[in-house]
Amino acid sequence: MVHFVGAGPGAADLITVRGQRFLKEADVVIYAGSLVNLELLESVKKGCKVFNSAHMTLEEVTEVMENAEKEGHVTVRLHTGDPSLYGAVREQMDILDEKGIAYDSCPGVSSFCGAAAALNLEYTLPGISQSVIITRTEGRTAVPERECVQAFAAHGATMILFLSAGLLHKLTGQLLSGGYKEDTPAAIVYKATWPEEEVHLCTVATLEAVAKENRISKTALIIVGDAVLHNNYERSKLYHPEFTTGFRKGVKKL
């Protein structure tokens, strides 16, 4: 069996209880060495074989999984954040399907959740933004034209950009040409939930300058939208005394 496990955004205690259990039971662990907190590996049992996938190809990773399966071992494939976001897990699963190797997925806390915690931020504010767009700008890996940053920017929703901290000059131009204004609130969250976490508030126009000033070019999320400053939002109807829900009846003021 292969367990694809989300390691969480960085802090070792933000892995799920299930993910921690899988780690403790694993005979083989393949972890994303460039981003996974090494403290998590302290919980593996004695004799567990540990591999750093940062130095491996897809073929080498799946070879380790296949060999472990032949020996009747349990493998944990430890990905950063939640594996479903930029985890490159589908290609691994397809190969396991071809080889008849069973696997499952254990979700994790994504770094975009960690970034919200760092900012004490609610991404969806009534009257401000009710949608969150998670995407990245085009780098060495292309994105579909219909999903370019400019197209998404036209919505004016809260936008969270992965894998884009080293492309801020290009990203700023895309955000502005797509519809965000220069003074649209923005934030750079470096290594969310790690001990070295940094949070920098700025605007779309100053993204590049703030990143350069703080020497940030990777391992950071970019957040754009009016929700960043959480000003002038509407009160939630859910807890309004005049709003009726399935659990209580609203009472209008006289």
Protein backbone atom coordinates (compact mmCIF):
# COMPACT_ATOMS: atom_id res chain seq x y z
CA MET A 1 0.00 0.00 0.00
CA VAL A 2 1.13 3.53 -0.78
CA HIS A 3 -0.25 6.43 1.23
CA PHE A 4 -0.03 9.87 -0.37
CA VAL A 5 0.12 12.16 2.66
CA GLY A 6 -0.11 15.92 2.93
CA ALA A 7 2.61 17.12 5.29
CA GLY A 8 0.95 20.47 5.87
CA PRO A 9 2.34 23.96 5.18
CA GLY A 10 5.47 23.70 7.29
CA ALA A 11 4.95 23.55 11.04
CA ALA A 12 5.46 19.95 12.16
CA ASP A 13 2.32 19.95 14.30
CA LEU A 14 0.09 20.88 11.36
CA ILE A 15 0.17 17.43 9.80
CA THR A 16 -3.14 15.61 10.33
CA VAL A 17 -3.52 12.93 13.00
CA ARG A 18 -4.09 10.38 10.22
CA GLY A 19 -1.01 11.52 8.34
CA GLN A 20 1.09 11.29 11.49
CA ARG A 21 -0.17 7.74 12.08
CA PHE A 22 0.72 6.69 8.54
CA LEU A 23 4.23 8.12 9.01
CA LYS A 24 4.75 6.16 12.22
CA GLU A 25 3.60 2.92 10.56
CA ALA A 26 5.54 3.33 7.30
CA ASP A 27 8.34 1.01 6.23
CA VAL A 28 9.38 3.41 3.45
CA VAL A 29 9.00 7.21 3.29
CA ILE A 30 9.59 9.29 0.18
CA TYR A 31 9.42 12.96 1.09
CA ALA A 32 9.53 16.18 -0.91
CA GLY A 33 12.84 17.35 0.49
CA SER A 34 12.74 20.88 -0.84
CA LEU A 35 9.65 21.81 1.21
CA VAL A 36 8.76 19.23 3.86
CA ASN A 37 9.80 20.01 7.43
CA LEU A 38 12.44 17.45 8.47
CA GLU A 39 11.02 17.42 12.01
CA LEU A 40 8.25 15.21 10.64
CA LEU A 41 10.75 12.45 9.90
CA GLU A 42 11.65 12.19 13.57
CA SER A 43 8.50 10.14 14.11
CA VAL A 44 9.33 7.34 11.66
CA LYS A 45 10.04 3.94 13.16
CA LYS A 46 13.47 2.39 13.46
CA GLY A 47 14.52 0.71 10.24
CA CYS A 48 12.26 2.83 8.02
CA LYS A 49 13.91 3.62 4.70
CA VAL A 50 13.75 7.35 3.89
CA PHE A 51 14.21 8.86 0.42
CA ASN A 52 14.42 12.52 -0.58
CA SER A 53 12.49 12.96 -3.83
CA ALA A 54 14.14 16.33 -4.51
CA HIS A 55 17.03 14.32 -5.93
CA MET A 56 14.87 11.77 -7.77
CA THR A 57 13.00 11.47 -11.04
CA LEU A 58 9.43 10.19 -11.34
CA GLU A 59 10.81 6.86 -12.55
CA GLU A 60 13.10 6.57 -9.53
CA VAL A 61 10.29 7.43 -7.13
CA THR A 62 7.97 4.82 -8.58
CA GLU A 63 10.75 2.24 -8.61
CA VAL A 64 11.13 2.67 -4.84
CA MET A 65 7.36 2.26 -4.43
CA GLU A 66 7.32 -0.86 -6.59
CA ASN A 67 10.22 -2.46 -4.74
CA ALA A 68 8.57 -1.71 -1.39
CA GLU A 69 5.36 -3.30 -2.60
CA LYS A 70 7.20 -6.44 -3.68
CA GLU A 71 8.63 -6.73 -0.16
CA GLY A 72 5.20 -6.27 1.42
CA HIS A 73 6.09 -2.88 2.86
CA VAL A 74 3.93 0.20 3.46
CA THR A 75 5.08 3.38 1.72
CA VAL A 76 4.28 6.97 2.59
CA ARG A 77 4.73 9.50 -0.19
CA LEU A 78 4.99 12.70 1.83
CA HIS A 79 4.07 15.83 -0.10
CA THR A 80 4.09 19.41 1.10
CA GLY A 81 0.81 21.11 1.97
CA ASP A 82 -2.08 19.19 0.45
CA PRO A 83 -1.08 16.78 -2.35
CA SER A 84 -3.99 17.85 -4.55
CA LEU A 85 -2.47 21.29 -5.17
CA TYR A 86 0.65 21.38 -7.36
CA GLY A 87 1.69 18.02 -5.95
CA ALA A 88 2.33 16.16 -9.23
CA VAL A 89 0.53 13.18 -7.71
CA ARG A 90 -1.71 12.16 -10.60
CA GLU A 91 1.20 10.94 -12.70
CA GLN A 92 2.41 8.81 -9.80
CA MET A 93 -1.06 7.36 -9.24
CA ASP A 94 -1.45 6.49 -12.91
CA ILE A 95 1.77 4.48 -12.83
CA LEU A 96 0.64 2.69 -9.66
CA ASP A 97 -2.65 1.89 -11.40
CA GLU A 98 -0.72 0.35 -14.29
CA LYS A 99 1.32 -1.76 -11.88
CA GLY A 100 -1.68 -2.81 -9.80
CA ILE A 101 -0.36 -1.20 -6.63
CA ALA A 102 -3.01 0.02 -4.17
CA TYR A 103 -2.86 3.58 -2.85
CA ASP A 104 -4.92 6.17 -1.05
CA SER A 105 -4.73 9.88 -0.22
CA CYS A 106 -4.53 11.63 3.13
CA PRO A 107 -5.33 15.35 2.80
CA GLY A 108 -3.17 18.01 4.38
CA VAL A 109 -3.36 21.65 5.39
CA SER A 110 -2.40 23.71 2.35
CA SER A 111 -0.02 26.66 2.59
CA PHE A 112 -2.82 28.96 1.44
CA CYS A 113 -4.57 28.10 4.71
CA GLY A 114 -1.33 28.72 6.58
CA ALA A 115 -0.99 32.10 4.87
CA ALA A 116 -4.52 33.06 5.93
CA ALA A 117 -3.62 32.15 9.50
CA ALA A 118 -0.47 34.27 9.32
CA LEU A 119 -2.57 37.24 8.23
CA ASN A 120 -5.60 36.45 10.43
CA LEU A 121 -7.40 36.68 7.14
CA GLU A 122 -10.79 35.55 5.87
CA TYR A 123 -10.56 35.15 2.13
CA THR A 124 -14.31 35.33 1.58
CA LEU A 125 -15.90 38.49 2.97
CA PRO A 126 -19.54 39.45 2.27
CA GLY A 127 -19.68 42.40 -0.06
CA ILE A 128 -15.94 42.21 -0.79
CA SER A 129 -15.12 38.80 -2.29
CA GLN A 130 -17.02 35.53 -2.31
CA SER A 131 -14.59 33.61 -4.51
CA VAL A 132 -11.00 32.48 -4.16
CA ILE A 133 -8.86 31.82 -7.23
CA ILE A 134 -5.83 29.57 -6.66
CA THR A 135 -3.42 29.69 -9.56
CA ARG A 136 0.13 30.54 -10.63
CA THR A 137 1.73 32.69 -13.25
CA GLU A 138 3.39 31.09 -16.25
CA GLY A 139 7.03 30.21 -15.76
CA ARG A 140 8.98 27.35 -17.29
CA THR A 141 5.76 25.36 -17.14
CA ALA A 142 2.96 26.79 -19.26
CA VAL A 143 -0.63 27.33 -18.12
CA PRO A 144 -3.68 26.97 -20.37
CA GLU A 145 -4.40 30.28 -22.12
CA ARG A 146 -7.94 30.38 -20.73
CA GLU A 147 -6.44 30.21 -17.21
CA CYS A 148 -3.91 33.02 -17.56
CA VAL A 149 -3.61 35.50 -14.68
CA GLN A 150 -5.08 38.31 -16.78
CA ALA A 151 -8.27 36.35 -17.39
CA PHE A 152 -8.72 35.57 -13.71
CA ALA A 153 -7.85 39.12 -12.65
CA ALA A 154 -10.89 40.41 -14.50
CA HIS A 155 -13.11 38.90 -11.79
CA GLY A 156 -11.62 41.04 -9.03
CA ALA A 157 -11.88 38.08 -6.64
CA THR A 158 -9.34 37.10 -4.01
CA MET A 159 -6.40 35.54 -5.84
CA ILE A 160 -3.75 33.29 -4.30
CA LEU A 161 -0.68 32.65 -6.42
CA PHE A 162 1.62 29.71 -5.89
CA LEU A 163 5.04 29.32 -7.52
CA SER A 164 5.15 32.96 -8.60
CA ALA A 165 7.38 34.78 -6.09
CA GLY A 166 10.32 34.75 -8.52
CA LEU A 167 8.24 36.18 -11.37
CA LEU A 168 6.81 39.31 -9.77
CA HIS A 169 7.68 41.77 -12.53
CA LYS A 170 5.76 39.64 -15.00
CA LEU A 171 2.99 38.90 -12.51
CA THR A 172 2.42 42.56 -11.68
CA GLY A 173 1.93 43.39 -15.34
CA GLN A 174 -0.55 40.55 -15.72
CA LEU A 175 -2.54 41.58 -12.64
CA LEU A 176 -2.75 45.21 -13.78
CA SER A 177 -3.61 44.43 -17.39
CA GLY A 178 -6.26 41.99 -16.19
CA GLY A 179 -8.14 44.51 -14.09
CA TYR A 180 -6.68 44.94 -10.62
CA LYS A 181 -5.78 48.54 -9.75
CA GLU A 182 -2.29 49.57 -8.65
CA ASP A 183 -3.50 50.21 -5.11
CA THR A 184 -5.27 46.85 -4.78
CA PRO A 185 -4.16 45.34 -1.45
CA ALA A 186 -1.70 42.46 -1.65
CA ALA A 187 0.46 40.38 0.66
CA ILE A 188 3.57 38.27 0.42
CA VAL A 189 3.71 35.38 2.90
CA TYR A 190 7.08 33.67 3.04
CA LYS A 191 7.23 30.12 4.46
CA ALA A 192 3.83 30.23 6.10
CA THR A 193 3.76 28.52 9.55
CA TRP A 194 7.53 27.87 9.58
CA PRO A 195 9.63 29.47 12.36
CA GLU A 196 11.10 31.82 9.74
CA GLU A 197 7.69 32.92 8.46
CA GLU A 198 7.50 36.48 7.12
CA VAL A 199 4.41 38.52 6.25
CA HIS A 200 4.62 41.65 4.12
CA LEU A 201 1.60 43.78 3.28
CA CYS A 202 1.82 45.80 0.09
CA THR A 203 -0.17 46.62 -3.06
CA VAL A 204 -0.18 45.15 -6.53
CA ALA A 205 2.08 48.00 -7.69
CA THR A 206 4.66 47.41 -4.93
CA LEU A 207 4.80 43.60 -4.97
CA GLU A 208 8.12 43.42 -6.78
CA ALA A 209 9.79 46.14 -4.73
CA VAL A 210 8.70 44.67 -1.39
CA ALA A 211 9.90 41.21 -2.39
CA LYS A 212 13.29 42.56 -3.48
CA GLU A 213 13.63 44.61 -0.30
CA ASN A 214 13.07 41.49 1.78
CA ARG A 215 15.05 39.17 -0.50
CA ILE A 216 12.12 36.90 -1.23
CA SER A 217 12.15 35.03 -4.52
CA LYS A 218 10.72 31.59 -3.67
CA THR A 219 8.76 29.61 -1.07
CA ALA A 220 6.21 32.40 -0.75
CA LEU A 221 2.56 32.88 -1.59
CA ILE A 222 1.21 36.03 -3.19
CA ILE A 223 -2.28 37.09 -2.12
CA VAL A 224 -4.17 39.78 -4.00
CA GLY A 225 -7.56 41.38 -3.43
CA ASP A 226 -9.56 43.72 -1.24
CA ALA A 227 -10.08 40.96 1.33
CA VAL A 228 -6.44 41.41 2.38
CA LEU A 229 -7.31 44.64 4.22
CA HIS A 230 -10.80 43.43 5.23
CA ASN A 231 -12.32 46.92 5.18
CA ASN A 232 -15.99 47.83 4.62
CA TYR A 233 -17.30 44.27 4.48
CA GLU A 234 -20.90 43.42 5.23
CA ARG A 235 -22.01 41.60 8.34
CA SER A 236 -22.64 37.89 7.80
CA LYS A 237 -26.32 37.08 7.61
CA LEU A 238 -25.71 33.68 9.20
CA TYR A 239 -25.37 35.16 12.68
CA HIS A 240 -27.63 38.18 12.20
CA PRO A 241 -30.50 38.22 14.73
CA GLU A 242 -33.04 38.92 11.96
CA PHE A 243 -31.89 36.02 9.75
CA THR A 244 -33.75 32.72 10.00
CA THR A 245 -31.77 29.49 9.69
CA GLY A 246 -32.60 25.82 10.09
CA PHE A 247 -31.59 26.10 13.76
CA ARG A 248 -33.16 29.35 14.92
CA LYS A 249 -35.84 31.83 13.88
CA GLY A 250 -34.88 35.39 13.11
CA VAL A 251 -36.54 38.19 15.03
CA LYS A 252 -37.03 41.53 13.34
CA LYS A 253 -36.35 44.70 15.25
CA LEU A 254 -39.42 46.75 16.16
